[in-house]
Amino acid sequence: MARQNAASALAAALVLGVFAPILTEVQSIGVCNGMLGDNLPSPADVVQFYQSQGIGAMRIYAPDPETLRALDGTGIDLIMDVGNGDLAALASDPAAAAGWVRDNVLAYPGVRVKYVAAGNEVDGDDTRNILPAMKNLNDALAAAGRGDVKVSTAVKMSVLASSSPPSDGAFKDVYMTDVAQLLKATGAPLLANVYPYFAIKGDPNIDLSYALFQQSTTTVSDNGLTYINLFDAMVDAVYTAMEKVGAAGVPIVVSESGWPSAGGVEASVENAQTYNQNLINHVGNGTPKRPGPLEMYIFAMFNENQKDGDETEKNFGLFNGPDKSPVYPLSFNN
């Protein structure tokens, strides 16, 4: 119960606007900035809100000039995606990659671009574009003197053929072996979107408490490691897959994780509140396979009323737009 109370206090600090103390303890928590809404604050207001909350890292899903201008000089670290629709052009033409770097990185020298994601959850035939796009972007950044910007791609858990138990983690497609080897060569992390919510949505036999970092009857013992929450098990399955393709030293950055507050199975204010606060409290510990702080980005800053898909997709936000009010009040009940 003490752990739950500590997590509640941390989440309260987040929602009430005192995020800086959390970031002092867990240096690498960011929040994804989705923009698929017609009721969101302006990009400049959003960046100011990140600053007012003490949030030191942001992810955006395509270059956005207004956001990039607003980020200039703020010191906020940035994951900037190449929009999936632009991936093929960058893969096929080194000049296009050089132009992308010129327009979206070099044009904003005061923006702390940390990672460029060559696509988000790319699937099907489009996966063939990931590796050549990454190579062309790496070459363009090196030629521009920006080798400090690391190029990766953001994957979902379905890149694994198996993930349970974690020691069975393995990639199902050869392209991920090539991606892993490139990341190893360039010193970049793999970006992984890790959602216990979608796991439990797909398998109602999973104990909800195990997914929410709460005390659970579920405990997984695996090769001498003990798992008491689903998030750790999922992340370590990805680590295992990287090991199996000779990329054990490549770190994982959790580029998305969160829980919806409405719109579907187990999507509620209570569960979203519990998951996010416990996640914030937990990631400083790392996972059984990789102890130590884990870089992680919560999805997302705001609810997005124009997102496609299930209703839950519109309800992952920590805050509402345009007034930036918290989506849920926090309870300190045991």
Protein backbone atom coordinates (compact mmCIF):
# COMPACT_ATOMS: atom_id res chain seq x y z
CA MET A 1 0.00 0.00 0.00
CA ALA A 2 2.90 2.36 0.70
CA ARG A 3 4.03 1.95 -2.90
CA GLN A 4 0.58 2.86 -4.16
CA ASN A 5 0.48 5.99 -1.99
CA ALA A 6 3.89 7.12 -3.25
CA ALA A 7 2.73 6.60 -6.81
CA SER A 8 -0.40 8.60 -6.11
CA ALA A 9 1.65 11.46 -4.76
CA LEU A 10 3.84 11.50 -7.84
CA ALA A 11 0.88 11.48 -10.16
CA ALA A 12 -0.74 14.22 -8.15
CA ALA A 13 2.33 16.34 -8.70
CA LEU A 14 2.06 15.71 -12.43
CA VAL A 15 -1.58 16.67 -12.79
CA LEU A 16 -1.44 19.56 -10.37
CA GLY A 17 1.45 21.11 -12.24
CA VAL A 18 4.43 20.21 -10.08
CA PHE A 19 6.16 17.86 -12.49
CA ALA A 20 9.73 18.99 -11.84
CA PRO A 21 10.22 16.94 -8.64
CA ILE A 22 9.26 13.80 -10.55
CA LEU A 23 11.79 14.58 -13.24
CA THR A 24 14.45 15.07 -10.59
CA GLU A 25 13.97 11.50 -9.44
CA VAL A 26 13.31 9.95 -12.83
CA GLN A 27 15.39 11.92 -15.25
CA SER A 28 13.93 10.55 -18.45
CA ILE A 29 10.15 10.92 -18.46
CA GLY A 30 8.64 12.73 -21.44
CA VAL A 31 5.13 13.17 -22.75
CA CYS A 32 3.96 12.63 -26.34
CA ASN A 33 2.37 15.64 -28.00
CA GLY A 34 -0.38 14.37 -30.27
CA MET A 35 -2.07 17.00 -32.41
CA LEU A 36 -5.15 15.26 -33.82
CA GLY A 37 -7.75 17.51 -32.27
CA ASP A 38 -9.69 20.65 -33.19
CA ASN A 39 -9.83 21.91 -29.60
CA LEU A 40 -6.16 21.92 -28.63
CA PRO A 41 -4.07 24.85 -27.42
CA SER A 42 -1.81 26.54 -29.95
CA PRO A 43 1.65 24.99 -30.42
CA ALA A 44 3.23 27.92 -28.59
CA ASP A 45 0.83 27.46 -25.66
CA VAL A 46 1.53 23.72 -25.60
CA VAL A 47 5.27 24.26 -25.37
CA GLN A 48 4.79 26.82 -22.60
CA PHE A 49 2.58 24.30 -20.79
CA TYR A 50 5.31 21.66 -20.99
CA GLN A 51 7.68 24.20 -19.45
CA SER A 52 5.22 25.18 -16.72
CA GLN A 53 4.79 21.52 -15.80
CA GLY A 54 8.55 20.91 -15.78
CA ILE A 55 8.26 18.29 -18.51
CA GLY A 56 11.69 17.99 -20.10
CA ALA A 57 11.00 15.83 -23.15
CA MET A 58 8.40 15.75 -25.95
CA ARG A 59 7.56 13.50 -28.86
CA ILE A 60 5.87 14.79 -32.01
CA TYR A 61 4.64 12.55 -34.83
CA ALA A 62 5.73 14.69 -37.77
CA PRO A 63 7.70 17.92 -38.12
CA ASP A 64 5.51 20.86 -37.17
CA PRO A 65 7.08 24.26 -37.87
CA GLU A 66 5.06 26.12 -35.24
CA THR A 67 5.99 23.61 -32.54
CA LEU A 68 9.63 23.61 -33.61
CA ARG A 69 9.78 27.39 -33.48
CA ALA A 70 8.22 27.34 -30.02
CA LEU A 71 10.70 24.71 -28.80
CA ASP A 72 13.68 26.79 -29.86
CA GLY A 73 15.82 27.59 -26.85
CA THR A 74 13.60 25.79 -24.32
CA GLY A 75 15.98 22.91 -23.61
CA ILE A 76 13.17 20.39 -24.09
CA ASP A 77 14.49 17.15 -25.61
CA LEU A 78 12.57 16.03 -28.68
CA ILE A 79 11.71 12.83 -30.47
CA MET A 80 10.62 13.93 -33.94
CA ASP A 81 9.00 11.38 -36.23
CA VAL A 82 9.25 11.21 -39.96
CA GLY A 83 5.59 10.94 -40.93
CA ASN A 84 4.89 7.42 -42.18
CA GLY A 85 3.71 8.86 -45.48
CA ASP A 86 7.14 10.41 -46.09
CA LEU A 87 9.15 7.31 -45.32
CA ALA A 88 9.24 5.88 -48.84
CA ALA A 89 10.61 9.11 -50.33
CA LEU A 90 13.41 9.28 -47.77
CA ALA A 91 14.20 5.61 -48.29
CA SER A 92 14.52 5.92 -52.05
CA ASP A 93 16.36 9.22 -52.35
CA PRO A 94 19.34 10.37 -50.25
CA ALA A 95 18.71 13.92 -51.46
CA ALA A 96 15.20 13.79 -50.00
CA ALA A 97 16.67 12.72 -46.65
CA ALA A 98 19.18 15.56 -46.82
CA GLY A 99 16.35 17.99 -47.54
CA TRP A 100 14.34 16.64 -44.61
CA VAL A 101 17.30 17.14 -42.28
CA ARG A 102 17.89 20.64 -43.66
CA ASP A 103 14.27 21.72 -43.27
CA ASN A 104 13.46 20.09 -39.94
CA VAL A 105 16.72 19.88 -37.99
CA LEU A 106 19.23 22.38 -39.33
CA ALA A 107 16.57 25.08 -39.69
CA TYR A 108 15.99 24.97 -35.92
CA PRO A 109 19.46 24.98 -34.35
CA GLY A 110 18.07 25.85 -30.93
CA VAL A 111 15.82 22.76 -30.78
CA ARG A 112 17.26 19.80 -28.91
CA VAL A 113 16.36 17.03 -31.34
CA LYS A 114 17.42 13.86 -29.53
CA TYR A 115 15.96 11.16 -31.77
CA VAL A 116 14.47 11.01 -35.24
CA ALA A 117 11.97 8.17 -35.59
CA ALA A 118 11.88 6.75 -39.12
CA GLY A 119 8.20 5.89 -38.92
CA ASN A 120 5.82 4.93 -36.14
CA GLU A 121 4.43 1.39 -35.96
CA VAL A 122 5.13 0.83 -39.64
CA ASP A 123 3.64 -2.42 -40.91
CA GLY A 124 3.00 -4.44 -44.07
CA ASP A 125 5.01 -3.75 -47.20
CA ASP A 126 6.02 -0.34 -45.89
CA THR A 127 8.45 -1.98 -43.47
CA ARG A 128 10.87 -2.35 -46.37
CA ASN A 129 11.38 1.42 -46.24
CA ILE A 130 12.50 1.58 -42.62
CA LEU A 131 16.12 0.49 -42.98
CA PRO A 132 17.01 2.51 -46.10
CA ALA A 133 15.31 5.59 -44.66
CA MET A 134 17.28 5.22 -41.45
CA LYS A 135 20.53 4.87 -43.40
CA ASN A 136 19.83 7.91 -45.56
CA LEU A 137 18.87 10.00 -42.54
CA ASN A 138 22.00 8.91 -40.68
CA ASP A 139 24.14 9.87 -43.66
CA ALA A 140 22.39 13.23 -44.01
CA LEU A 141 22.79 14.05 -40.33
CA ALA A 142 26.46 13.05 -40.38
CA ALA A 143 27.10 15.18 -43.47
CA ALA A 144 25.41 18.12 -41.73
CA GLY A 145 27.54 17.73 -38.61
CA ARG A 146 24.58 16.51 -36.53
CA GLY A 147 25.70 13.03 -35.64
CA ASP A 148 24.44 13.75 -32.13
CA VAL A 149 20.89 13.17 -33.41
CA LYS A 150 20.19 9.44 -33.27
CA VAL A 151 17.93 7.79 -35.85
CA SER A 152 15.64 4.94 -34.87
CA THR A 153 12.13 3.68 -35.61
CA ALA A 154 9.18 3.22 -33.25
CA VAL A 155 7.77 -0.31 -33.15
CA LYS A 156 4.75 -1.90 -31.52
CA MET A 157 4.76 -5.20 -29.68
CA SER A 158 3.49 -7.09 -32.72
CA VAL A 159 7.03 -7.00 -34.16
CA LEU A 160 7.59 -9.93 -31.82
CA ALA A 161 6.64 -13.47 -32.80
CA SER A 162 6.42 -14.29 -29.11
CA SER A 163 6.63 -12.26 -25.93
CA SER A 164 5.53 -14.55 -23.12
CA PRO A 165 7.44 -15.46 -21.08
CA PRO A 166 9.92 -12.63 -21.69
CA SER A 167 12.74 -15.08 -22.43
CA ASP A 168 10.77 -16.22 -25.50
CA GLY A 169 10.89 -12.72 -27.01
CA ALA A 170 11.90 -12.91 -30.66
CA PHE A 171 11.37 -10.78 -33.75
CA LYS A 172 9.12 -12.31 -36.37
CA ASP A 173 10.59 -10.55 -39.42
CA VAL A 174 14.14 -10.37 -40.77
CA TYR A 175 14.01 -6.60 -41.29
CA MET A 176 14.11 -6.11 -37.53
CA THR A 177 17.45 -7.95 -37.38
CA ASP A 178 18.85 -5.46 -39.86
CA VAL A 179 17.34 -2.53 -37.95
CA ALA A 180 18.84 -3.83 -34.70
CA GLN A 181 22.28 -4.13 -36.26
CA LEU A 182 22.11 -0.57 -37.58
CA LEU A 183 21.11 0.73 -34.17
CA LYS A 184 24.04 -1.15 -32.66
CA ALA A 185 26.42 0.40 -35.18
CA THR A 186 25.15 3.94 -34.67
CA GLY A 187 24.66 3.88 -30.90
CA ALA A 188 20.94 4.61 -31.18
CA PRO A 189 18.18 3.05 -29.07
CA LEU A 190 15.20 1.08 -30.31
CA LEU A 191 11.97 3.01 -29.75
CA ALA A 192 9.20 0.71 -28.51
CA ASN A 193 5.55 1.52 -27.88
CA VAL A 194 4.57 -0.61 -24.87
CA TYR A 195 0.92 -0.80 -23.84
CA PRO A 196 -0.22 -3.26 -21.20
CA TYR A 197 -3.67 -1.80 -21.91
CA PHE A 198 -3.81 -3.34 -25.39
CA ALA A 199 -2.48 -6.63 -24.05
CA ILE A 200 -5.27 -6.87 -21.51
CA LYS A 201 -7.82 -5.71 -24.07
CA GLY A 202 -6.77 -8.60 -26.30
CA ASP A 203 -6.62 -11.17 -23.51
CA PRO A 204 -9.22 -10.79 -20.75
CA ASN A 205 -7.51 -13.57 -18.81
CA ILE A 206 -4.68 -11.20 -17.87
CA ASP A 207 -5.12 -9.97 -14.32
CA LEU A 208 -5.94 -6.26 -14.38
CA SER A 209 -3.86 -5.64 -11.27
CA TYR A 210 -0.82 -7.17 -12.97
CA ALA A 211 -1.28 -4.66 -15.81
CA LEU A 212 -1.75 -1.70 -13.44
CA PHE A 213 1.40 -2.30 -11.33
CA GLN A 214 -0.77 -3.28 -8.38
CA GLN A 215 -0.40 -6.21 -6.04
CA SER A 216 -1.48 -9.22 -8.05
CA THR A 217 -1.86 -12.95 -7.82
CA THR A 218 0.12 -13.13 -11.06
CA THR A 219 3.87 -13.63 -10.74
CA VAL A 220 5.99 -14.80 -13.63
CA SER A 221 9.28 -16.57 -12.89
CA ASP A 222 11.48 -16.70 -15.96
CA ASN A 223 15.13 -17.74 -16.14
CA GLY A 224 15.84 -16.57 -12.63
CA LEU A 225 13.95 -13.27 -13.02
CA THR A 226 10.64 -12.49 -11.34
CA TYR A 227 7.97 -10.33 -12.96
CA ILE A 228 5.26 -8.72 -10.87
CA ASN A 229 3.87 -6.42 -13.58
CA LEU A 230 3.09 -6.73 -17.26
CA PHE A 231 5.01 -3.65 -18.39
CA ASP A 232 8.35 -5.10 -17.28
CA ALA A 233 7.57 -8.41 -18.93
CA MET A 234 6.76 -6.70 -22.23
CA VAL A 235 9.87 -4.50 -22.22
CA ASP A 236 12.13 -7.41 -21.34
CA ALA A 237 10.65 -9.46 -24.18
CA VAL A 238 11.90 -6.74 -26.53
CA TYR A 239 15.30 -6.77 -24.84
CA THR A 240 15.43 -10.55 -25.30
CA ALA A 241 14.58 -10.21 -28.99
CA MET A 242 17.42 -7.71 -29.38
CA GLU A 243 19.81 -10.12 -27.66
CA LYS A 244 18.81 -12.92 -30.03
CA VAL A 245 19.83 -10.84 -33.06
CA GLY A 246 23.18 -9.83 -31.58
CA ALA A 247 22.17 -6.37 -30.33
CA ALA A 248 22.16 -6.88 -26.57
CA GLY A 249 23.80 -3.52 -25.92
CA VAL A 250 21.14 -1.48 -27.70
CA PRO A 251 18.95 0.32 -25.15
CA ILE A 252 15.17 0.44 -25.32
CA VAL A 253 13.37 3.77 -25.10
CA VAL A 254 9.67 3.37 -24.38
CA SER A 255 8.41 5.89 -26.89
CA GLU A 256 4.76 5.48 -25.86
CA SER A 257 2.88 4.03 -22.94
CA GLY A 258 -0.40 5.01 -21.37
CA TRP A 259 -3.97 4.02 -20.53
CA PRO A 260 -7.24 5.46 -21.83
CA SER A 261 -9.65 7.10 -19.41
CA ALA A 262 -12.81 6.31 -21.41
CA GLY A 263 -14.18 4.58 -24.46
CA GLY A 264 -13.64 0.85 -24.09
CA VAL A 265 -12.82 -2.26 -22.10
CA GLU A 266 -11.13 -1.37 -18.79
CA ALA A 267 -10.80 2.23 -20.01
CA SER A 268 -11.72 4.38 -17.05
CA VAL A 269 -10.53 7.41 -15.13
CA GLU A 270 -9.56 5.17 -12.22
CA ASN A 271 -7.50 2.76 -14.30
CA ALA A 272 -5.82 5.49 -16.32
CA GLN A 273 -4.94 7.34 -13.15
CA THR A 274 -3.60 4.20 -11.48
CA TYR A 275 -1.58 3.05 -14.47
CA ASN A 276 0.06 6.38 -15.23
CA GLN A 277 0.94 7.22 -11.65
CA ASN A 278 2.41 3.80 -11.03
CA LEU A 279 4.27 3.89 -14.33
CA ILE A 280 5.85 7.24 -13.41
CA ASN A 281 6.89 5.81 -10.07
CA HIS A 282 8.25 2.60 -11.57
CA VAL A 283 10.42 3.47 -14.55
CA GLY A 284 13.25 4.82 -12.44
CA ASN A 285 13.87 1.22 -11.39
CA GLY A 286 14.13 -0.22 -14.90
CA THR A 287 13.18 -3.85 -15.48
CA PRO A 288 14.39 -7.16 -14.03
CA LYS A 289 16.60 -7.71 -17.08
CA ARG A 290 17.83 -4.10 -17.24
CA PRO A 291 17.81 -2.37 -13.84
CA GLY A 292 18.33 1.39 -13.86
CA PRO A 293 16.30 4.34 -15.15
CA LEU A 294 14.30 3.62 -18.29
CA GLU A 295 13.62 6.48 -20.69
CA MET A 296 9.87 6.64 -21.23
CA TYR A 297 7.25 8.85 -22.89
CA ILE A 298 3.69 8.91 -21.63
CA PHE A 299 0.99 8.97 -24.28
CA ALA A 300 -0.34 11.60 -24.39
CA MET A 301 -0.44 15.22 -23.25
CA PHE A 302 -4.00 15.94 -24.46
CA ASN A 303 -7.10 14.03 -25.44
CA GLU A 304 -7.39 14.08 -29.24
CA ASN A 305 -10.97 14.25 -30.48
CA GLN A 306 -10.09 13.71 -34.15
CA LYS A 307 -8.16 10.47 -33.84
CA ASP A 308 -9.35 7.53 -35.92
CA GLY A 309 -10.07 4.08 -34.59
CA ASP A 310 -11.70 2.98 -31.37
CA GLU A 311 -13.15 5.57 -29.03
CA THR A 312 -10.33 4.85 -26.60
CA GLU A 313 -7.90 6.43 -29.08
CA LYS A 314 -9.43 9.81 -28.29
CA ASN A 315 -9.00 9.38 -24.53
CA PHE A 316 -5.35 8.80 -23.70
CA GLY A 317 -4.65 12.40 -22.69
CA LEU A 318 -3.52 13.65 -19.32
CA PHE A 319 -5.15 17.01 -20.01
CA ASN A 320 -8.06 18.49 -21.92
CA GLY A 321 -7.78 21.21 -24.53
CA PRO A 322 -8.07 24.09 -24.85
CA ASP A 323 -8.19 24.96 -21.14
CA LYS A 324 -5.44 22.45 -20.20
CA SER A 325 -7.50 21.12 -17.31
CA PRO A 326 -6.50 17.69 -15.97
CA VAL A 327 -8.55 14.84 -17.38
CA TYR A 328 -8.98 13.28 -13.95
CA PRO A 329 -8.57 14.41 -10.36
CA LEU A 330 -6.34 12.21 -8.29
CA SER A 331 -7.45 10.18 -5.32
CA PHE A 332 -5.14 9.20 -2.47
CA ASN A 333 -7.40 6.34 -1.41
CA ASN A 334 -5.68 3.06 -0.68
